[in-house]
Amino acid sequence: REAIQEAAAFMRQPGHEERVRSAIGAYIDLPP
């Protein structure tokens, strides 16, 4: 639960959009 809470805070921080997309791409195979 605490890890998910920290991840949510990370997602809300400006400038993290590309790292969030990178995380999604690590687990869902998609064209760039």
PDB file of all heavy atoms in Angstrom:
ATOM      1  N   ARG A   1       0.830  -1.208   0.000  1.00  0.00           N
ATOM      2  CA  ARG A   1       0.000   0.000   0.000  1.00  0.00           C
ATOM      3  C   ARG A   1       0.864   1.257   0.000  1.00  0.00           C
ATOM      4  O   ARG A   1       0.606   2.203  -0.758  1.00  0.00           O
ATOM      5  CB  ARG A   1      -0.922  -0.001   1.219  1.00  0.00           C
ATOM      6  CG  ARG A   1      -1.862   1.198   1.300  1.00  0.00           C
ATOM      7  CD  ARG A   1      -2.640   1.214   2.609  1.00  0.00           C
ATOM      8  NE  ARG A   1      -3.356  -0.014   2.822  1.00  0.00           N
ATOM      9  CZ  ARG A   1      -3.110  -0.871   3.813  1.00  0.00           C
ATOM     10  NH1 ARG A   1      -2.130  -0.618   4.681  1.00  0.00           N
ATOM     11  NH2 ARG A   1      -3.814  -1.971   3.935  1.00  0.00           N
ATOM     12  N   GLU A   2       1.904   1.254   0.811  1.00  0.00           N
ATOM     13  CA  GLU A   2       2.774   2.426   0.892  1.00  0.00           C
ATOM     14  C   GLU A   2       3.522   2.650  -0.425  1.00  0.00           C
ATOM     15  O   GLU A   2       3.746   3.805  -0.830  1.00  0.00           O
ATOM     16  CB  GLU A   2       3.752   2.253   2.051  1.00  0.00           C
ATOM     17  CG  GLU A   2       3.079   2.354   3.411  1.00  0.00           C
ATOM     18  CD  GLU A   2       4.036   2.054   4.559  1.00  0.00           C
ATOM     19  OE1 GLU A   2       5.168   1.574   4.278  1.00  0.00           O
ATOM     20  OE2 GLU A   2       3.657   2.293   5.720  1.00  0.00           O
ATOM     21  N   ALA A   3       3.920   1.585  -1.098  1.00  0.00           N
ATOM     22  CA  ALA A   3       4.592   1.726  -2.390  1.00  0.00           C
ATOM     23  C   ALA A   3       3.657   2.341  -3.428  1.00  0.00           C
ATOM     24  O   ALA A   3       4.069   3.197  -4.230  1.00  0.00           O
ATOM     25  CB  ALA A   3       5.092   0.363  -2.869  1.00  0.00           C
ATOM     26  N   ILE A   4       2.388   1.933  -3.410  1.00  0.00           N
ATOM     27  CA  ILE A   4       1.406   2.488  -4.344  1.00  0.00           C
ATOM     28  C   ILE A   4       1.153   3.964  -4.032  1.00  0.00           C
ATOM     29  O   ILE A   4       1.011   4.798  -4.935  1.00  0.00           O
ATOM     30  CB  ILE A   4       0.093   1.682  -4.296  1.00  0.00           C
ATOM     31  CG1 ILE A   4       0.327   0.241  -4.763  1.00  0.00           C
ATOM     32  CG2 ILE A   4      -0.988   2.350  -5.140  1.00  0.00           C
ATOM     33  CD1 ILE A   4       0.877   0.119  -6.179  1.00  0.00           C
ATOM     34  N   GLN A   5       1.110   4.301  -2.757  1.00  0.00           N
ATOM     35  CA  GLN A   5       0.927   5.706  -2.376  1.00  0.00           C
ATOM     36  C   GLN A   5       2.094   6.558  -2.858  1.00  0.00           C
ATOM     37  O   GLN A   5       1.899   7.671  -3.360  1.00  0.00           O
ATOM     38  CB  GLN A   5       0.777   5.810  -0.854  1.00  0.00           C
ATOM     39  CG  GLN A   5      -0.531   5.243  -0.323  1.00  0.00           C
ATOM     40  CD  GLN A   5      -0.566   5.115   1.191  1.00  0.00           C
ATOM     41  OE1 GLN A   5       0.476   5.129   1.843  1.00  0.00           O
ATOM     42  NE2 GLN A   5      -1.765   4.981   1.746  1.00  0.00           N
ATOM     43  N   GLU A   6       3.312   6.043  -2.729  1.00  0.00           N
ATOM     44  CA  GLU A   6       4.476   6.789  -3.206  1.00  0.00           C
ATOM     45  C   GLU A   6       4.465   6.894  -4.734  1.00  0.00           C
ATOM     46  O   GLU A   6       4.824   7.934  -5.297  1.00  0.00           O
ATOM     47  CB  GLU A   6       5.772   6.134  -2.738  1.00  0.00           C
ATOM     48  CG  GLU A   6       7.001   6.960  -3.079  1.00  0.00           C
ATOM     49  CD  GLU A   6       8.288   6.410  -2.490  1.00  0.00           C
ATOM     50  OE1 GLU A   6       8.226   5.471  -1.662  1.00  0.00           O
ATOM     51  OE2 GLU A   6       9.362   6.922  -2.858  1.00  0.00           O
ATOM     52  N   ALA A   7       4.033   5.831  -5.411  1.00  0.00           N
ATOM     53  CA  ALA A   7       3.947   5.858  -6.872  1.00  0.00           C
ATOM     54  C   ALA A   7       2.928   6.895  -7.335  1.00  0.00           C
ATOM     55  O   ALA A   7       3.146   7.607  -8.321  1.00  0.00           O
ATOM     56  CB  ALA A   7       3.574   4.477  -7.403  1.00  0.00           C
ATOM     57  N   ALA A   8       1.796   6.982  -6.623  1.00  0.00           N
ATOM     58  CA  ALA A   8       0.774   7.967  -6.968  1.00  0.00           C
ATOM     59  C   ALA A   8       1.317   9.385  -6.814  1.00  0.00           C
ATOM     60  O   ALA A   8       1.073  10.255  -7.665  1.00  0.00           O
ATOM     61  CB  ALA A   8      -0.462   7.770  -6.094  1.00  0.00           C
ATOM     62  N   ALA A   9       2.070   9.631  -5.760  1.00  0.00           N
ATOM     63  CA  ALA A   9       2.684  10.949  -5.557  1.00  0.00           C
ATOM     64  C   ALA A   9       3.685  11.244  -6.671  1.00  0.00           C
ATOM     65  O   ALA A   9       3.771  12.374  -7.161  1.00  0.00           O
ATOM     66  CB  ALA A   9       3.368  10.997  -4.199  1.00  0.00           C
ATOM     67  N   PHE A  10       4.434  10.242  -7.084  1.00  0.00           N
ATOM     68  CA  PHE A  10       5.384  10.384  -8.188  1.00  0.00           C
ATOM     69  C   PHE A  10       4.655  10.772  -9.475  1.00  0.00           C
ATOM     70  O   PHE A  10       5.094  11.660 -10.216  1.00  0.00           O
ATOM     71  CB  PHE A  10       6.139   9.066  -8.382  1.00  0.00           C
ATOM     72  CG  PHE A  10       7.122   9.059  -9.515  1.00  0.00           C
ATOM     73  CD1 PHE A  10       8.458   9.373  -9.299  1.00  0.00           C
ATOM     74  CD2 PHE A  10       6.719   8.736 -10.815  1.00  0.00           C
ATOM     75  CE1 PHE A  10       9.373   9.361 -10.344  1.00  0.00           C
ATOM     76  CE2 PHE A  10       7.621   8.729 -11.861  1.00  0.00           C
ATOM     77  CZ  PHE A  10       8.955   9.044 -11.626  1.00  0.00           C
ATOM     78  N   MET A  11       3.526  10.124  -9.740  1.00  0.00           N
ATOM     79  CA  MET A  11       2.770  10.390 -10.967  1.00  0.00           C
ATOM     80  C   MET A  11       2.219  11.812 -10.994  1.00  0.00           C
ATOM     81  O   MET A  11       2.049  12.391 -12.070  1.00  0.00           O
ATOM     82  CB  MET A  11       1.621   9.380 -11.096  1.00  0.00           C
ATOM     83  CG  MET A  11       2.071   7.960 -11.372  1.00  0.00           C
ATOM     84  SD  MET A  11       0.690   6.777 -11.329  1.00  0.00           S
ATOM     85  CE  MET A  11      -0.321   7.360 -12.705  1.00  0.00           C
ATOM     86  N   ARG A  12       1.928  12.364  -9.837  1.00  0.00           N
ATOM     87  CA  ARG A  12       1.336  13.701  -9.776  1.00  0.00           C
ATOM     88  C   ARG A  12       2.368  14.816  -9.945  1.00  0.00           C
ATOM     89  O   ARG A  12       2.002  15.965 -10.181  1.00  0.00           O
ATOM     90  CB  ARG A  12       0.608  13.886  -8.442  1.00  0.00           C
ATOM     91  CG  ARG A  12      -0.598  12.971  -8.243  1.00  0.00           C
ATOM     92  CD  ARG A  12      -1.372  13.370  -6.998  1.00  0.00           C
ATOM     93  NE  ARG A  12      -2.376  12.390  -6.629  1.00  0.00           N
ATOM     94  CZ  ARG A  12      -2.241  11.516  -5.635  1.00  0.00           C
ATOM     95  NH1 ARG A  12      -1.141  11.524  -4.898  1.00  0.00           N
ATOM     96  NH2 ARG A  12      -3.198  10.661  -5.363  1.00  0.00           N
ATOM     97  N   GLN A  13       3.629  14.492  -9.809  1.00  0.00           N
ATOM     98  CA  GLN A  13       4.665  15.516  -9.899  1.00  0.00           C
ATOM     99  C   GLN A  13       4.896  15.938 -11.350  1.00  0.00           C
ATOM    100  O   GLN A  13       5.003  15.085 -12.236  1.00  0.00           O
ATOM    101  CB  GLN A  13       5.981  15.005  -9.294  1.00  0.00           C
ATOM    102  CG  GLN A  13       5.931  14.790  -7.797  1.00  0.00           C
ATOM    103  CD  GLN A  13       7.212  14.203  -7.254  1.00  0.00           C
ATOM    104  OE1 GLN A  13       8.275  14.381  -7.838  1.00  0.00           O
ATOM    105  NE2 GLN A  13       7.116  13.492  -6.146  1.00  0.00           N
ATOM    106  N   PRO A  14       4.963  17.234 -11.620  1.00  0.00           N
ATOM    107  CA  PRO A  14       5.207  17.715 -12.986  1.00  0.00           C
ATOM    108  C   PRO A  14       6.544  17.179 -13.518  1.00  0.00           C
ATOM    109  O   PRO A  14       7.516  17.028 -12.780  1.00  0.00           O
ATOM    110  CB  PRO A  14       5.257  19.241 -12.829  1.00  0.00           C
ATOM    111  CG  PRO A  14       4.528  19.516 -11.548  1.00  0.00           C
ATOM    112  CD  PRO A  14       4.794  18.345 -10.661  1.00  0.00           C
ATOM    113  N   GLY A  15       6.555  16.876 -14.791  1.00  0.00           N
ATOM    114  CA  GLY A  15       7.782  16.427 -15.434  1.00  0.00           C
ATOM    115  C   GLY A  15       8.013  14.934 -15.411  1.00  0.00           C
ATOM    116  O   GLY A  15       9.024  14.454 -15.938  1.00  0.00           O
ATOM    117  N   HIS A  16       7.093  14.166 -14.809  1.00  0.00           N
ATOM    118  CA  HIS A  16       7.278  12.723 -14.733  1.00  0.00           C
ATOM    119  C   HIS A  16       6.481  11.960 -15.803  1.00  0.00           C
ATOM    120  O   HIS A  16       6.450  10.733 -15.771  1.00  0.00           O
ATOM    121  CB  HIS A  16       6.886  12.208 -13.348  1.00  0.00           C
ATOM    122  CG  HIS A  16       7.902  12.519 -12.297  1.00  0.00           C
ATOM    123  ND1 HIS A  16       7.718  12.223 -10.955  1.00  0.00           N
ATOM    124  CD2 HIS A  16       9.135  13.089 -12.387  1.00  0.00           C
ATOM    125  CE1 HIS A  16       8.779  12.613 -10.272  1.00  0.00           C
ATOM    126  NE2 HIS A  16       9.646  13.135 -11.112  1.00  0.00           N
ATOM    127  N   GLU A  17       5.856  12.673 -16.727  1.00  0.00           N
ATOM    128  CA  GLU A  17       4.977  12.023 -17.698  1.00  0.00           C
ATOM    129  C   GLU A  17       5.704  10.952 -18.509  1.00  0.00           C
ATOM    130  O   GLU A  17       5.176   9.847 -18.731  1.00  0.00           O
ATOM    131  CB  GLU A  17       4.358  13.062 -18.651  1.00  0.00           C
ATOM    132  CG  GLU A  17       3.376  14.010 -17.994  1.00  0.00           C
ATOM    133  CD  GLU A  17       4.055  15.196 -17.329  1.00  0.00           C
ATOM    134  OE1 GLU A  17       5.312  15.270 -17.381  1.00  0.00           O
ATOM    135  OE2 GLU A  17       3.360  16.050 -16.758  1.00  0.00           O
ATOM    136  N   GLU A  18       6.914  11.265 -18.971  1.00  0.00           N
ATOM    137  CA  GLU A  18       7.639  10.307 -19.806  1.00  0.00           C
ATOM    138  C   GLU A  18       8.061   9.086 -19.008  1.00  0.00           C
ATOM    139  O   GLU A  18       8.066   7.963 -19.527  1.00  0.00           O
ATOM    140  CB  GLU A  18       8.854  10.979 -20.453  1.00  0.00           C
ATOM    141  CG  GLU A  18       8.491  11.958 -21.562  1.00  0.00           C
ATOM    142  CD  GLU A  18       7.559  11.340 -22.600  1.00  0.00           C
ATOM    143  OE1 GLU A  18       7.867  10.222 -23.081  1.00  0.00           O
ATOM    144  OE2 GLU A  18       6.522  11.960 -22.915  1.00  0.00           O
ATOM    145  N   ARG A  19       8.415   9.267 -17.740  1.00  0.00           N
ATOM    146  CA  ARG A  19       8.793   8.115 -16.922  1.00  0.00           C
ATOM    147  C   ARG A  19       7.582   7.245 -16.614  1.00  0.00           C
ATOM    148  O   ARG A  19       7.691   6.012 -16.515  1.00  0.00           O
ATOM    149  CB  ARG A  19       9.483   8.593 -15.642  1.00  0.00           C
ATOM    150  CG  ARG A  19      10.896   9.085 -15.912  1.00  0.00           C
ATOM    151  CD  ARG A  19      11.499   9.833 -14.763  1.00  0.00           C
ATOM    152  NE  ARG A  19      11.866   8.984 -13.635  1.00  0.00           N
ATOM    153  CZ  ARG A  19      12.461   9.450 -12.540  1.00  0.00           C
ATOM    154  NH1 ARG A  19      12.752  10.741 -12.429  1.00  0.00           N
ATOM    155  NH2 ARG A  19      12.780   8.627 -11.545  1.00  0.00           N
ATOM    156  N   VAL A  20       6.412   7.862 -16.478  1.00  0.00           N
ATOM    157  CA  VAL A  20       5.184   7.090 -16.289  1.00  0.00           C
ATOM    158  C   VAL A  20       4.889   6.284 -17.551  1.00  0.00           C
ATOM    159  O   VAL A  20       4.569   5.084 -17.476  1.00  0.00           O
ATOM    160  CB  VAL A  20       3.997   8.006 -15.937  1.00  0.00           C
ATOM    161  CG1 VAL A  20       2.682   7.219 -15.945  1.00  0.00           C
ATOM    162  CG2 VAL A  20       4.211   8.662 -14.581  1.00  0.00           C
ATOM    163  N   ARG A  21       5.020   6.909 -18.717  1.00  0.00           N
ATOM    164  CA  ARG A  21       4.792   6.184 -19.975  1.00  0.00           C
ATOM    165  C   ARG A  21       5.806   5.049 -20.142  1.00  0.00           C
ATOM    166  O   ARG A  21       5.481   3.976 -20.645  1.00  0.00           O
ATOM    167  CB  ARG A  21       4.873   7.136 -21.170  1.00  0.00           C
ATOM    168  CG  ARG A  21       3.649   8.021 -21.340  1.00  0.00           C
ATOM    169  CD  ARG A  21       3.608   8.651 -22.725  1.00  0.00           C
ATOM    170  NE  ARG A  21       2.426   9.462 -22.873  1.00  0.00           N
ATOM    171  CZ  ARG A  21       2.382  10.764 -22.597  1.00  0.00           C
ATOM    172  NH1 ARG A  21       3.469  11.382 -22.166  1.00  0.00           N
ATOM    173  NH2 ARG A  21       1.266  11.450 -22.760  1.00  0.00           N
ATOM    174  N   SER A  22       7.032   5.293 -19.744  1.00  0.00           N
ATOM    175  CA  SER A  22       8.060   4.255 -19.820  1.00  0.00           C
ATOM    176  C   SER A  22       7.687   3.060 -18.955  1.00  0.00           C
ATOM    177  O   SER A  22       7.891   1.898 -19.354  1.00  0.00           O
ATOM    178  CB  SER A  22       9.411   4.829 -19.387  1.00  0.00           C
ATOM    179  OG  SER A  22      10.412   3.839 -19.403  1.00  0.00           O
ATOM    180  N   ALA A  23       7.128   3.344 -17.790  1.00  0.00           N
ATOM    181  CA  ALA A  23       6.699   2.258 -16.903  1.00  0.00           C
ATOM    182  C   ALA A  23       5.555   1.468 -17.533  1.00  0.00           C
ATOM    183  O   ALA A  23       5.517   0.235 -17.466  1.00  0.00           O
ATOM    184  CB  ALA A  23       6.277   2.827 -15.555  1.00  0.00           C
ATOM    185  N   ILE A  24       4.618   2.166 -18.160  1.00  0.00           N
ATOM    186  CA  ILE A  24       3.510   1.485 -18.843  1.00  0.00           C
ATOM    187  C   ILE A  24       4.063   0.606 -19.962  1.00  0.00           C
ATOM    188  O   ILE A  24       3.679  -0.562 -20.125  1.00  0.00           O
ATOM    189  CB  ILE A  24       2.498   2.507 -19.400  1.00  0.00           C
ATOM    190  CG1 ILE A  24       1.802   3.236 -18.255  1.00  0.00           C
ATOM    191  CG2 ILE A  24       1.473   1.820 -20.302  1.00  0.00           C
ATOM    192  CD1 ILE A  24       0.970   4.432 -18.695  1.00  0.00           C
ATOM    193  N   GLY A  25       4.995   1.148 -20.744  1.00  0.00           N
ATOM    194  CA  GLY A  25       5.580   0.403 -21.846  1.00  0.00           C
ATOM    195  C   GLY A  25       6.384  -0.804 -21.408  1.00  0.00           C
ATOM    196  O   GLY A  25       6.601  -1.736 -22.196  1.00  0.00           O
ATOM    197  N   ALA A  26       6.845  -0.818 -20.157  1.00  0.00           N
ATOM    198  CA  ALA A  26       7.607  -1.962 -19.653  1.00  0.00           C
ATOM    199  C   ALA A  26       6.726  -3.186 -19.443  1.00  0.00           C
ATOM    200  O   ALA A  26       7.224  -4.311 -19.421  1.00  0.00           O
ATOM    201  CB  ALA A  26       8.295  -1.590 -18.342  1.00  0.00           C
ATOM    202  N   TYR A  27       5.408  -2.974 -19.310  1.00  0.00           N
ATOM    203  CA  TYR A  27       4.512  -4.082 -19.009  1.00  0.00           C
ATOM    204  C   TYR A  27       3.402  -4.280 -20.041  1.00  0.00           C
ATOM    205  O   TYR A  27       2.672  -5.265 -19.970  1.00  0.00           O
ATOM    206  CB  TYR A  27       3.902  -3.888 -17.620  1.00  0.00           C
ATOM    207  CG  TYR A  27       4.957  -3.972 -16.556  1.00  0.00           C
ATOM    208  CD1 TYR A  27       5.507  -2.820 -15.994  1.00  0.00           C
ATOM    209  CD2 TYR A  27       5.453  -5.203 -16.154  1.00  0.00           C
ATOM    210  CE1 TYR A  27       6.510  -2.903 -15.046  1.00  0.00           C
ATOM    211  CE2 TYR A  27       6.455  -5.286 -15.211  1.00  0.00           C
ATOM    212  CZ  TYR A  27       6.984  -4.140 -14.659  1.00  0.00           C
ATOM    213  OH  TYR A  27       7.992  -4.227 -13.733  1.00  0.00           O
ATOM    214  N   ILE A  28       3.284  -3.344 -20.973  1.00  0.00           N
ATOM    215  CA  ILE A  28       2.311  -3.496 -22.057  1.00  0.00           C
ATOM    216  C   ILE A  28       3.048  -3.250 -23.364  1.00  0.00           C
ATOM    217  O   ILE A  28       3.578  -2.158 -23.587  1.00  0.00           O
ATOM    218  CB  ILE A  28       1.123  -2.518 -21.909  1.00  0.00           C
ATOM    219  CG1 ILE A  28       0.446  -2.705 -20.544  1.00  0.00           C
ATOM    220  CG2 ILE A  28       0.116  -2.741 -23.029  1.00  0.00           C
ATOM    221  CD1 ILE A  28      -0.686  -1.724 -20.285  1.00  0.00           C
ATOM    222  N   ASP A  29       3.101  -4.240 -24.227  1.00  0.00           N
ATOM    223  CA  ASP A  29       3.865  -4.156 -25.468  1.00  0.00           C
ATOM    224  C   ASP A  29       3.088  -3.336 -26.493  1.00  0.00           C
ATOM    225  O   ASP A  29       2.021  -3.745 -26.945  1.00  0.00           O
ATOM    226  CB  ASP A  29       4.125  -5.565 -26.003  1.00  0.00           C
ATOM    227  CG  ASP A  29       5.164  -5.575 -27.110  1.00  0.00           C
ATOM    228  OD1 ASP A  29       5.836  -4.545 -27.282  1.00  0.00           O
ATOM    229  OD2 ASP A  29       5.296  -6.607 -27.790  1.00  0.00           O
ATOM    230  N   LEU A  30       3.647  -2.186 -26.875  1.00  0.00           N
ATOM    231  CA  LEU A  30       2.959  -1.258 -27.766  1.00  0.00           C
ATOM    232  C   LEU A  30       3.934  -0.617 -28.743  1.00  0.00           C
ATOM    233  O   LEU A  30       5.115  -0.440 -28.418  1.00  0.00           O
ATOM    234  CB  LEU A  30       2.310  -0.129 -26.969  1.00  0.00           C
ATOM    235  CG  LEU A  30       1.002  -0.403 -26.264  1.00  0.00           C
ATOM    236  CD1 LEU A  30       0.659   0.773 -25.397  1.00  0.00           C
ATOM    237  CD2 LEU A  30      -0.099  -0.647 -27.269  1.00  0.00           C
ATOM    238  N   PRO A  31       3.466  -0.207 -29.932  1.00  0.00           N
ATOM    239  CA  PRO A  31       4.301   0.611 -30.814  1.00  0.00           C
ATOM    240  C   PRO A  31       4.611   1.940 -30.137  1.00  0.00           C
ATOM    241  O   PRO A  31       3.784   2.465 -29.380  1.00  0.00           O
ATOM    242  CB  PRO A  31       3.408   0.817 -32.048  1.00  0.00           C
ATOM    243  CG  PRO A  31       2.357  -0.239 -31.974  1.00  0.00           C
ATOM    244  CD  PRO A  31       2.153  -0.515 -30.519  1.00  0.00           C
ATOM    245  N   PRO A  32       5.788   2.505 -30.376  1.00  0.00           N
ATOM    246  CA  PRO A  32       6.170   3.763 -29.707  1.00  0.00           C
ATOM    247  C   PRO A  32       5.169   4.890 -29.914  1.00  0.00           C
ATOM    248  O   PRO A  32       4.909   5.672 -28.995  1.00  0.00           O
ATOM    249  CB  PRO A  32       7.519   4.095 -30.356  1.00  0.00           C
ATOM    250  CG  PRO A  32       8.058   2.782 -30.803  1.00  0.00           C
ATOM    251  CD  PRO A  32       6.869   1.972 -31.219  1.00  0.00           C
TER     252      PRO A  32
END
